[in-house]
Amino acid sequence: MSDKSRGAYWSANLRIISISLVIWALVSFGFAIILRPLLSGIPVGGTDLGFWFAQQGSILTFIVLIFYYTSYMNKLDKEFDVEE
């Protein structure tokens, strides 16, 4: 793998990690804590949406991000010919 292609690979890797961390922080910290008063009027399963994000939404979002990251990295590995 050349230095240019190695740099492009790691740039794409760091970009997807950064995007995933921003989404995770927005859902777990933003929706569950900061925006909780705004989401309190929206009912979900017998409770408000802010509480749901604090209890379930952040965990489910994290699991979805894990599966998306693995599928994206498998595609990226094939693109740069570094697959296992």
PDB file of N, CA and C in Angstrom:
ATOM      1  N   MET A   1       0.842  -1.164   0.000  1.00  0.00           N
ATOM      2  CA  MET A   1       0.000   0.000   0.000  1.00  0.00           C
ATOM      3  C   MET A   1       0.894   1.235   0.000  1.00  0.00           C
ATOM      4  N   SER A   2       0.655   2.147  -0.923  1.00  0.00           N
ATOM      5  CA  SER A   2       1.475   3.350  -1.018  1.00  0.00           C
ATOM      6  C   SER A   2       1.113   4.338   0.095  1.00  0.00           C
ATOM      7  N   ASP A   3       1.994   5.316   0.291  1.00  0.00           N
ATOM      8  CA  ASP A   3       1.760   6.308   1.339  1.00  0.00           C
ATOM      9  C   ASP A   3       0.501   7.124   1.054  1.00  0.00           C
ATOM     10  N   LYS A   4       0.253   7.423  -0.215  1.00  0.00           N
ATOM     11  CA  LYS A   4      -0.933   8.203  -0.576  1.00  0.00           C
ATOM     12  C   LYS A   4      -2.207   7.414  -0.294  1.00  0.00           C
ATOM     13  N   SER A   5      -2.211   6.150  -0.649  1.00  0.00           N
ATOM     14  CA  SER A   5      -3.386   5.328  -0.405  1.00  0.00           C
ATOM     15  C   SER A   5      -3.554   5.034   1.080  1.00  0.00           C
ATOM     16  N   ARG A   6      -2.453   4.896   1.809  1.00  0.00           N
ATOM     17  CA  ARG A   6      -2.523   4.699   3.255  1.00  0.00           C
ATOM     18  C   ARG A   6      -3.127   5.927   3.924  1.00  0.00           C
ATOM     19  N   GLY A   7      -2.727   7.099   3.480  1.00  0.00           N
ATOM     20  CA  GLY A   7      -3.283   8.342   4.018  1.00  0.00           C
ATOM     21  C   GLY A   7      -4.765   8.481   3.720  1.00  0.00           C
ATOM     22  N   ALA A   8      -5.189   8.104   2.517  1.00  0.00           N
ATOM     23  CA  ALA A   8      -6.610   8.173   2.157  1.00  0.00           C
ATOM     24  C   ALA A   8      -7.424   7.185   2.984  1.00  0.00           C
ATOM     25  N   TYR A   9      -6.864   6.010   3.217  1.00  0.00           N
ATOM     26  CA  TYR A   9      -7.544   4.994   4.031  1.00  0.00           C
ATOM     27  C   TYR A   9      -7.762   5.504   5.445  1.00  0.00           C
ATOM     28  N   TRP A  10      -6.711   6.028   6.070  1.00  0.00           N
ATOM     29  CA  TRP A  10      -6.839   6.499   7.451  1.00  0.00           C
ATOM     30  C   TRP A  10      -7.681   7.756   7.542  1.00  0.00           C
ATOM     31  N   SER A  11      -7.653   8.576   6.519  1.00  0.00           N
ATOM     32  CA  SER A  11      -8.524   9.753   6.502  1.00  0.00           C
ATOM     33  C   SER A  11      -9.992   9.337   6.487  1.00  0.00           C
ATOM     34  N   ALA A  12     -10.329   8.354   5.662  1.00  0.00           N
ATOM     35  CA  ALA A  12     -11.710   7.850   5.617  1.00  0.00           C
ATOM     36  C   ALA A  12     -12.074   7.186   6.937  1.00  0.00           C
ATOM     37  N   ASN A  13     -11.141   6.462   7.524  1.00  0.00           N
ATOM     38  CA  ASN A  13     -11.380   5.797   8.809  1.00  0.00           C
ATOM     39  C   ASN A  13     -11.637   6.826   9.910  1.00  0.00           C
ATOM     40  N   LEU A  14     -10.804   7.850   9.999  1.00  0.00           N
ATOM     41  CA  LEU A  14     -10.982   8.872  11.024  1.00  0.00           C
ATOM     42  C   LEU A  14     -12.262   9.672  10.803  1.00  0.00           C
ATOM     43  N   ARG A  15     -12.640   9.877   9.550  1.00  0.00           N
ATOM     44  CA  ARG A  15     -13.879  10.600   9.251  1.00  0.00           C
ATOM     45  C   ARG A  15     -15.095   9.827   9.773  1.00  0.00           C
ATOM     46  N   ILE A  16     -15.159   8.522   9.521  1.00  0.00           N
ATOM     47  CA  ILE A  16     -16.312   7.740   9.980  1.00  0.00           C
ATOM     48  C   ILE A  16     -16.318   7.612  11.506  1.00  0.00           C
ATOM     49  N   ILE A  17     -15.155   7.542  12.121  1.00  0.00           N
ATOM     50  CA  ILE A  17     -15.092   7.517  13.583  1.00  0.00           C
ATOM     51  C   ILE A  17     -15.600   8.834  14.153  1.00  0.00           C
ATOM     52  N   SER A  18     -15.188   9.956  13.568  1.00  0.00           N
ATOM     53  CA  SER A  18     -15.626  11.264  14.044  1.00  0.00           C
ATOM     54  C   SER A  18     -17.131  11.438  13.902  1.00  0.00           C
ATOM     55  N   ILE A  19     -17.669  11.049  12.755  1.00  0.00           N
ATOM     56  CA  ILE A  19     -19.110  11.157  12.534  1.00  0.00           C
ATOM     57  C   ILE A  19     -19.868  10.285  13.529  1.00  0.00           C
ATOM     58  N   SER A  20     -19.382   9.075  13.759  1.00  0.00           N
ATOM     59  CA  SER A  20     -20.035   8.171  14.708  1.00  0.00           C
ATOM     60  C   SER A  20     -20.014   8.732  16.121  1.00  0.00           C
ATOM     61  N   LEU A  21     -18.893   9.305  16.534  1.00  0.00           N
ATOM     62  CA  LEU A  21     -18.805   9.879  17.869  1.00  0.00           C
ATOM     63  C   LEU A  21     -19.718  11.086  18.039  1.00  0.00           C
ATOM     64  N   VAL A  22     -19.847  11.900  17.000  1.00  0.00           N
ATOM     65  CA  VAL A  22     -20.743  13.055  17.073  1.00  0.00           C
ATOM     66  C   VAL A  22     -22.192  12.593  17.198  1.00  0.00           C
ATOM     67  N   ILE A  23     -22.586  11.597  16.408  1.00  0.00           N
ATOM     68  CA  ILE A  23     -23.953  11.063  16.492  1.00  0.00           C
ATOM     69  C   ILE A  23     -24.200  10.475  17.876  1.00  0.00           C
ATOM     70  N   TRP A  24     -23.258   9.696  18.368  1.00  0.00           N
ATOM     71  CA  TRP A  24     -23.406   9.069  19.678  1.00  0.00           C
ATOM     72  C   TRP A  24     -23.524  10.128  20.780  1.00  0.00           C
ATOM     73  N   ALA A  25     -22.695  11.173  20.743  1.00  0.00           N
ATOM     74  CA  ALA A  25     -22.743  12.228  21.748  1.00  0.00           C
ATOM     75  C   ALA A  25     -24.047  13.016  21.652  1.00  0.00           C
ATOM     76  N   LEU A  26     -24.501  13.284  20.443  1.00  0.00           N
ATOM     77  CA  LEU A  26     -25.745  14.016  20.262  1.00  0.00           C
ATOM     78  C   LEU A  26     -26.926  13.250  20.846  1.00  0.00           C
ATOM     79  N   VAL A  27     -26.963  11.954  20.576  1.00  0.00           N
ATOM     80  CA  VAL A  27     -28.091  11.148  21.067  1.00  0.00           C
ATOM     81  C   VAL A  27     -27.996  10.937  22.576  1.00  0.00           C
ATOM     82  N   SER A  28     -26.830  10.530  23.077  1.00  0.00           N
ATOM     83  CA  SER A  28     -26.736  10.183  24.499  1.00  0.00           C
ATOM     84  C   SER A  28     -26.679  11.404  25.406  1.00  0.00           C
ATOM     85  N   PHE A  29     -25.978  12.431  25.004  1.00  0.00           N
ATOM     86  CA  PHE A  29     -25.857  13.614  25.852  1.00  0.00           C
ATOM     87  C   PHE A  29     -26.872  14.681  25.465  1.00  0.00           C
ATOM     88  N   GLY A  30     -27.000  14.927  24.171  1.00  0.00           N
ATOM     89  CA  GLY A  30     -27.883  15.993  23.700  1.00  0.00           C
ATOM     90  C   GLY A  30     -29.348  15.706  23.919  1.00  0.00           C
ATOM     91  N   PHE A  31     -29.832  14.592  23.381  1.00  0.00           N
ATOM     92  CA  PHE A  31     -31.257  14.278  23.483  1.00  0.00           C
ATOM     93  C   PHE A  31     -31.654  13.869  24.897  1.00  0.00           C
ATOM     94  N   ALA A  32     -30.806  13.128  25.576  1.00  0.00           N
ATOM     95  CA  ALA A  32     -31.168  12.599  26.894  1.00  0.00           C
ATOM     96  C   ALA A  32     -31.005  13.615  28.011  1.00  0.00           C
ATOM     97  N   ILE A  33     -30.115  14.574  27.871  1.00  0.00           N
ATOM     98  CA  ILE A  33     -29.857  15.510  28.961  1.00  0.00           C
ATOM     99  C   ILE A  33     -30.216  16.953  28.580  1.00  0.00           C
ATOM    100  N   ILE A  34     -29.588  17.471  27.539  1.00  0.00           N
ATOM    101  CA  ILE A  34     -29.763  18.883  27.197  1.00  0.00           C
ATOM    102  C   ILE A  34     -31.153  19.165  26.631  1.00  0.00           C
ATOM    103  N   LEU A  35     -31.614  18.345  25.698  1.00  0.00           N
ATOM    104  CA  LEU A  35     -32.901  18.582  25.055  1.00  0.00           C
ATOM    105  C   LEU A  35     -34.062  17.863  25.738  1.00  0.00           C
ATOM    106  N   ARG A  36     -33.836  17.283  26.888  1.00  0.00           N
ATOM    107  CA  ARG A  36     -34.895  16.547  27.592  1.00  0.00           C
ATOM    108  C   ARG A  36     -36.138  17.392  27.852  1.00  0.00           C
ATOM    109  N   PRO A  37     -36.018  18.638  28.312  1.00  0.00           N
ATOM    110  CA  PRO A  37     -37.237  19.432  28.526  1.00  0.00           C
ATOM    111  C   PRO A  37     -38.045  19.656  27.239  1.00  0.00           C
ATOM    112  N   LEU A  38     -37.369  19.788  26.116  1.00  0.00           N
ATOM    113  CA  LEU A  38     -38.083  19.977  24.850  1.00  0.00           C
ATOM    114  C   LEU A  38     -38.767  18.699  24.385  1.00  0.00           C
ATOM    115  N   LEU A  39     -38.218  17.556  24.740  1.00  0.00           N
ATOM    116  CA  LEU A  39     -38.763  16.275  24.303  1.00  0.00           C
ATOM    117  C   LEU A  39     -39.766  15.688  25.299  1.00  0.00           C
ATOM    118  N   SER A  40     -40.007  16.374  26.401  1.00  0.00           N
ATOM    119  CA  SER A  40     -40.867  15.803  27.438  1.00  0.00           C
ATOM    120  C   SER A  40     -42.332  15.708  27.022  1.00  0.00           C
ATOM    121  N   GLY A  41     -42.773  16.465  26.046  1.00  0.00           N
ATOM    122  CA  GLY A  41     -44.163  16.421  25.621  1.00  0.00           C
ATOM    123  C   GLY A  41     -44.481  15.344  24.616  1.00  0.00           C
ATOM    124  N   ILE A  42     -43.483  14.625  24.143  1.00  0.00           N
ATOM    125  CA  ILE A  42     -43.688  13.597  23.125  1.00  0.00           C
ATOM    126  C   ILE A  42     -43.728  12.229  23.813  1.00  0.00           C
ATOM    127  N   PRO A  43     -44.905  11.589  23.848  1.00  0.00           N
ATOM    128  CA  PRO A  43     -44.996  10.296  24.545  1.00  0.00           C
ATOM    129  C   PRO A  43     -44.463   9.134  23.703  1.00  0.00           C
ATOM    130  N   VAL A  44     -43.716   8.263  24.363  1.00  0.00           N
ATOM    131  CA  VAL A  44     -43.193   7.044  23.730  1.00  0.00           C
ATOM    132  C   VAL A  44     -43.292   5.923  24.756  1.00  0.00           C
ATOM    133  N   GLY A  45     -44.121   4.943  24.493  1.00  0.00           N
ATOM    134  CA  GLY A  45     -44.225   3.771  25.364  1.00  0.00           C
ATOM    135  C   GLY A  45     -44.579   4.075  26.806  1.00  0.00           C
ATOM    136  N   GLY A  46     -45.405   5.058  27.053  1.00  0.00           N
ATOM    137  CA  GLY A  46     -45.818   5.379  28.406  1.00  0.00           C
ATOM    138  C   GLY A  46     -44.923   6.369  29.122  1.00  0.00           C
ATOM    139  N   THR A  47     -43.908   6.848  28.484  1.00  0.00           N
ATOM    140  CA  THR A  47     -43.007   7.837  29.076  1.00  0.00           C
ATOM    141  C   THR A  47     -42.683   8.897  28.024  1.00  0.00           C
ATOM    142  N   ASP A  48     -41.902   9.886  28.397  1.00  0.00           N
ATOM    143  CA  ASP A  48     -41.566  10.916  27.416  1.00  0.00           C
ATOM    144  C   ASP A  48     -40.330  10.531  26.602  1.00  0.00           C
ATOM    145  N   LEU A  49     -40.162  11.203  25.471  1.00  0.00           N
ATOM    146  CA  LEU A  49     -39.084  10.861  24.535  1.00  0.00           C
ATOM    147  C   LEU A  49     -37.695  11.095  25.126  1.00  0.00           C
ATOM    148  N   GLY A  50     -37.526  12.143  25.930  1.00  0.00           N
ATOM    149  CA  GLY A  50     -36.229  12.410  26.558  1.00  0.00           C
ATOM    150  C   GLY A  50     -35.803  11.285  27.487  1.00  0.00           C
ATOM    151  N   PHE A  51     -36.742  10.786  28.288  1.00  0.00           N
ATOM    152  CA  PHE A  51     -36.440   9.658  29.173  1.00  0.00           C
ATOM    153  C   PHE A  51     -36.132   8.405  28.368  1.00  0.00           C
ATOM    154  N   TRP A  52     -36.884   8.198  27.270  1.00  0.00           N
ATOM    155  CA  TRP A  52     -36.643   7.031  26.422  1.00  0.00           C
ATOM    156  C   TRP A  52     -35.235   7.072  25.848  1.00  0.00           C
ATOM    157  N   PHE A  53     -34.787   8.251  25.369  1.00  0.00           N
ATOM    158  CA  PHE A  53     -33.422   8.354  24.844  1.00  0.00           C
ATOM    159  C   PHE A  53     -32.400   8.073  25.939  1.00  0.00           C
ATOM    160  N   ALA A  54     -32.657   8.522  27.153  1.00  0.00           N
ATOM    161  CA  ALA A  54     -31.713   8.287  28.244  1.00  0.00           C
ATOM    162  C   ALA A  54     -31.632   6.810  28.593  1.00  0.00           C
ATOM    163  N   GLN A  55     -32.751   6.097  28.532  1.00  0.00           N
ATOM    164  CA  GLN A  55     -32.777   4.702  28.954  1.00  0.00           C
ATOM    165  C   GLN A  55     -32.520   3.709  27.820  1.00  0.00           C
ATOM    166  N   GLN A  56     -33.103   3.928  26.655  1.00  0.00           N
ATOM    167  CA  GLN A  56     -33.026   2.949  25.576  1.00  0.00           C
ATOM    168  C   GLN A  56     -32.405   3.499  24.295  1.00  0.00           C
ATOM    169  N   GLY A  57     -32.764   4.713  23.941  1.00  0.00           N
ATOM    170  CA  GLY A  57     -32.359   5.274  22.649  1.00  0.00           C
ATOM    171  C   GLY A  57     -30.864   5.368  22.455  1.00  0.00           C
ATOM    172  N   SER A  58     -30.148   5.790  23.490  1.00  0.00           N
ATOM    173  CA  SER A  58     -28.702   5.919  23.343  1.00  0.00           C
ATOM    174  C   SER A  58     -28.035   4.558  23.180  1.00  0.00           C
ATOM    175  N   ILE A  59     -28.545   3.550  23.871  1.00  0.00           N
ATOM    176  CA  ILE A  59     -27.980   2.202  23.747  1.00  0.00           C
ATOM    177  C   ILE A  59     -28.257   1.628  22.366  1.00  0.00           C
ATOM    178  N   LEU A  60     -29.500   1.768  21.902  1.00  0.00           N
ATOM    179  CA  LEU A  60     -29.849   1.257  20.568  1.00  0.00           C
ATOM    180  C   LEU A  60     -29.086   1.990  19.470  1.00  0.00           C
ATOM    181  N   THR A  61     -28.925   3.292  19.625  1.00  0.00           N
ATOM    182  CA  THR A  61     -28.150   4.060  18.655  1.00  0.00           C
ATOM    183  C   THR A  61     -26.701   3.595  18.631  1.00  0.00           C
ATOM    184  N   PHE A  62     -26.129   3.330  19.788  1.00  0.00           N
ATOM    185  CA  PHE A  62     -24.753   2.857  19.872  1.00  0.00           C
ATOM    186  C   PHE A  62     -24.600   1.506  19.171  1.00  0.00           C
ATOM    187  N   ILE A  63     -25.554   0.606  19.355  1.00  0.00           N
ATOM    188  CA  ILE A  63     -25.504  -0.702  18.693  1.00  0.00           C
ATOM    189  C   ILE A  63     -25.608  -0.547  17.181  1.00  0.00           C
ATOM    190  N   VAL A  64     -26.506   0.318  16.716  1.00  0.00           N
ATOM    191  CA  VAL A  64     -26.643   0.567  15.270  1.00  0.00           C
ATOM    192  C   VAL A  64     -25.344   1.151  14.715  1.00  0.00           C
ATOM    193  N   LEU A  65     -24.723   2.061  15.451  1.00  0.00           N
ATOM    194  CA  LEU A  65     -23.452   2.645  15.003  1.00  0.00           C
ATOM    195  C   LEU A  65     -22.350   1.595  14.905  1.00  0.00           C
ATOM    196  N   ILE A  66     -22.321   0.649  15.819  1.00  0.00           N
ATOM    197  CA  ILE A  66     -21.318  -0.421  15.765  1.00  0.00           C
ATOM    198  C   ILE A  66     -21.478  -1.239  14.488  1.00  0.00           C
ATOM    199  N   PHE A  67     -22.723  -1.644  14.191  1.00  0.00           N
ATOM    200  CA  PHE A  67     -22.952  -2.440  12.983  1.00  0.00           C
ATOM    201  C   PHE A  67     -22.672  -1.639  11.714  1.00  0.00           C
ATOM    202  N   TYR A  68     -23.030  -0.349  11.712  1.00  0.00           N
ATOM    203  CA  TYR A  68     -22.741   0.483  10.544  1.00  0.00           C
ATOM    204  C   TYR A  68     -21.230   0.643  10.358  1.00  0.00           C
ATOM    205  N   TYR A  69     -20.510   0.878  11.453  1.00  0.00           N
ATOM    206  CA  TYR A  69     -19.066   1.045  11.370  1.00  0.00           C
ATOM    207  C   TYR A  69     -18.391  -0.216  10.815  1.00  0.00           C
ATOM    208  N   THR A  70     -18.800  -1.385  11.283  1.00  0.00           N
ATOM    209  CA  THR A  70     -18.185  -2.618  10.787  1.00  0.00           C
ATOM    210  C   THR A  70     -18.484  -2.838   9.310  1.00  0.00           C
ATOM    211  N   SER A  71     -19.706  -2.561   8.875  1.00  0.00           N
ATOM    212  CA  SER A  71     -20.012  -2.743   7.453  1.00  0.00           C
ATOM    213  C   SER A  71     -19.273  -1.719   6.603  1.00  0.00           C
ATOM    214  N   TYR A  72     -19.169  -0.486   7.089  1.00  0.00           N
ATOM    215  CA  TYR A  72     -18.441   0.546   6.348  1.00  0.00           C
ATOM    216  C   TYR A  72     -16.957   0.200   6.262  1.00  0.00           C
ATOM    217  N   MET A  73     -16.380  -0.262   7.367  1.00  0.00           N
ATOM    218  CA  MET A  73     -14.960  -0.599   7.349  1.00  0.00           C
ATOM    219  C   MET A  73     -14.678  -1.818   6.478  1.00  0.00           C
ATOM    220  N   ASN A  74     -15.579  -2.790   6.424  1.00  0.00           N
ATOM    221  CA  ASN A  74     -15.401  -3.920   5.512  1.00  0.00           C
ATOM    222  C   ASN A  74     -15.392  -3.451   4.064  1.00  0.00           C
ATOM    223  N   LYS A  75     -16.295  -2.521   3.742  1.00  0.00           N
ATOM    224  CA  LYS A  75     -16.334  -1.962   2.385  1.00  0.00           C
ATOM    225  C   LYS A  75     -15.059  -1.169   2.097  1.00  0.00           C
ATOM    226  N   LEU A  76     -14.607  -0.396   3.069  1.00  0.00           N
ATOM    227  CA  LEU A  76     -13.392   0.406   2.902  1.00  0.00           C
ATOM    228  C   LEU A  76     -12.169  -0.496   2.763  1.00  0.00           C
ATOM    229  N   ASP A  77     -12.111  -1.576   3.520  1.00  0.00           N
ATOM    230  CA  ASP A  77     -11.003  -2.522   3.407  1.00  0.00           C
ATOM    231  C   ASP A  77     -10.940  -3.143   2.012  1.00  0.00           C
ATOM    232  N   LYS A  78     -12.094  -3.488   1.472  1.00  0.00           N
ATOM    233  CA  LYS A  78     -12.124  -4.046   0.105  1.00  0.00           C
ATOM    234  C   LYS A  78     -11.705  -3.018  -0.921  1.00  0.00           C
ATOM    235  N   GLU A  79     -12.132  -1.775  -0.717  1.00  0.00           N
ATOM    236  CA  GLU A  79     -11.788  -0.702  -1.658  1.00  0.00           C
ATOM    237  C   GLU A  79     -10.291  -0.458  -1.693  1.00  0.00           C
ATOM    238  N   PHE A  80      -9.625  -0.512  -0.544  1.00  0.00           N
ATOM    239  CA  PHE A  80      -8.189  -0.260  -0.470  1.00  0.00           C
ATOM    240  C   PHE A  80      -7.374  -1.551  -0.476  1.00  0.00           C
ATOM    241  N   ASP A  81      -8.027  -2.680  -0.689  1.00  0.00           N
ATOM    242  CA  ASP A  81      -7.374  -3.975  -0.794  1.00  0.00           C
ATOM    243  C   ASP A  81      -6.551  -4.322   0.449  1.00  0.00           C
ATOM    244  N   VAL A  82      -7.145  -4.107   1.601  1.00  0.00           N
ATOM    245  CA  VAL A  82      -6.498  -4.492   2.864  1.00  0.00           C
ATOM    246  C   VAL A  82      -7.395  -5.411   3.679  1.00  0.00           C
ATOM    247  N   GLU A  83      -8.315  -6.088   3.013  1.00  0.00           N
ATOM    248  CA  GLU A  83      -9.224  -6.970   3.726  1.00  0.00           C
ATOM    249  C   GLU A  83      -8.511  -8.207   4.236  1.00  0.00           C
ATOM    250  N   GLU A  84      -9.082  -8.813   5.246  1.00  0.00           N
ATOM    251  CA  GLU A  84      -8.455  -9.975   5.864  1.00  0.00           C
ATOM    252  C   GLU A  84      -8.603 -11.205   5.016  1.00  0.00           C
TER     253      GLU A  84
END
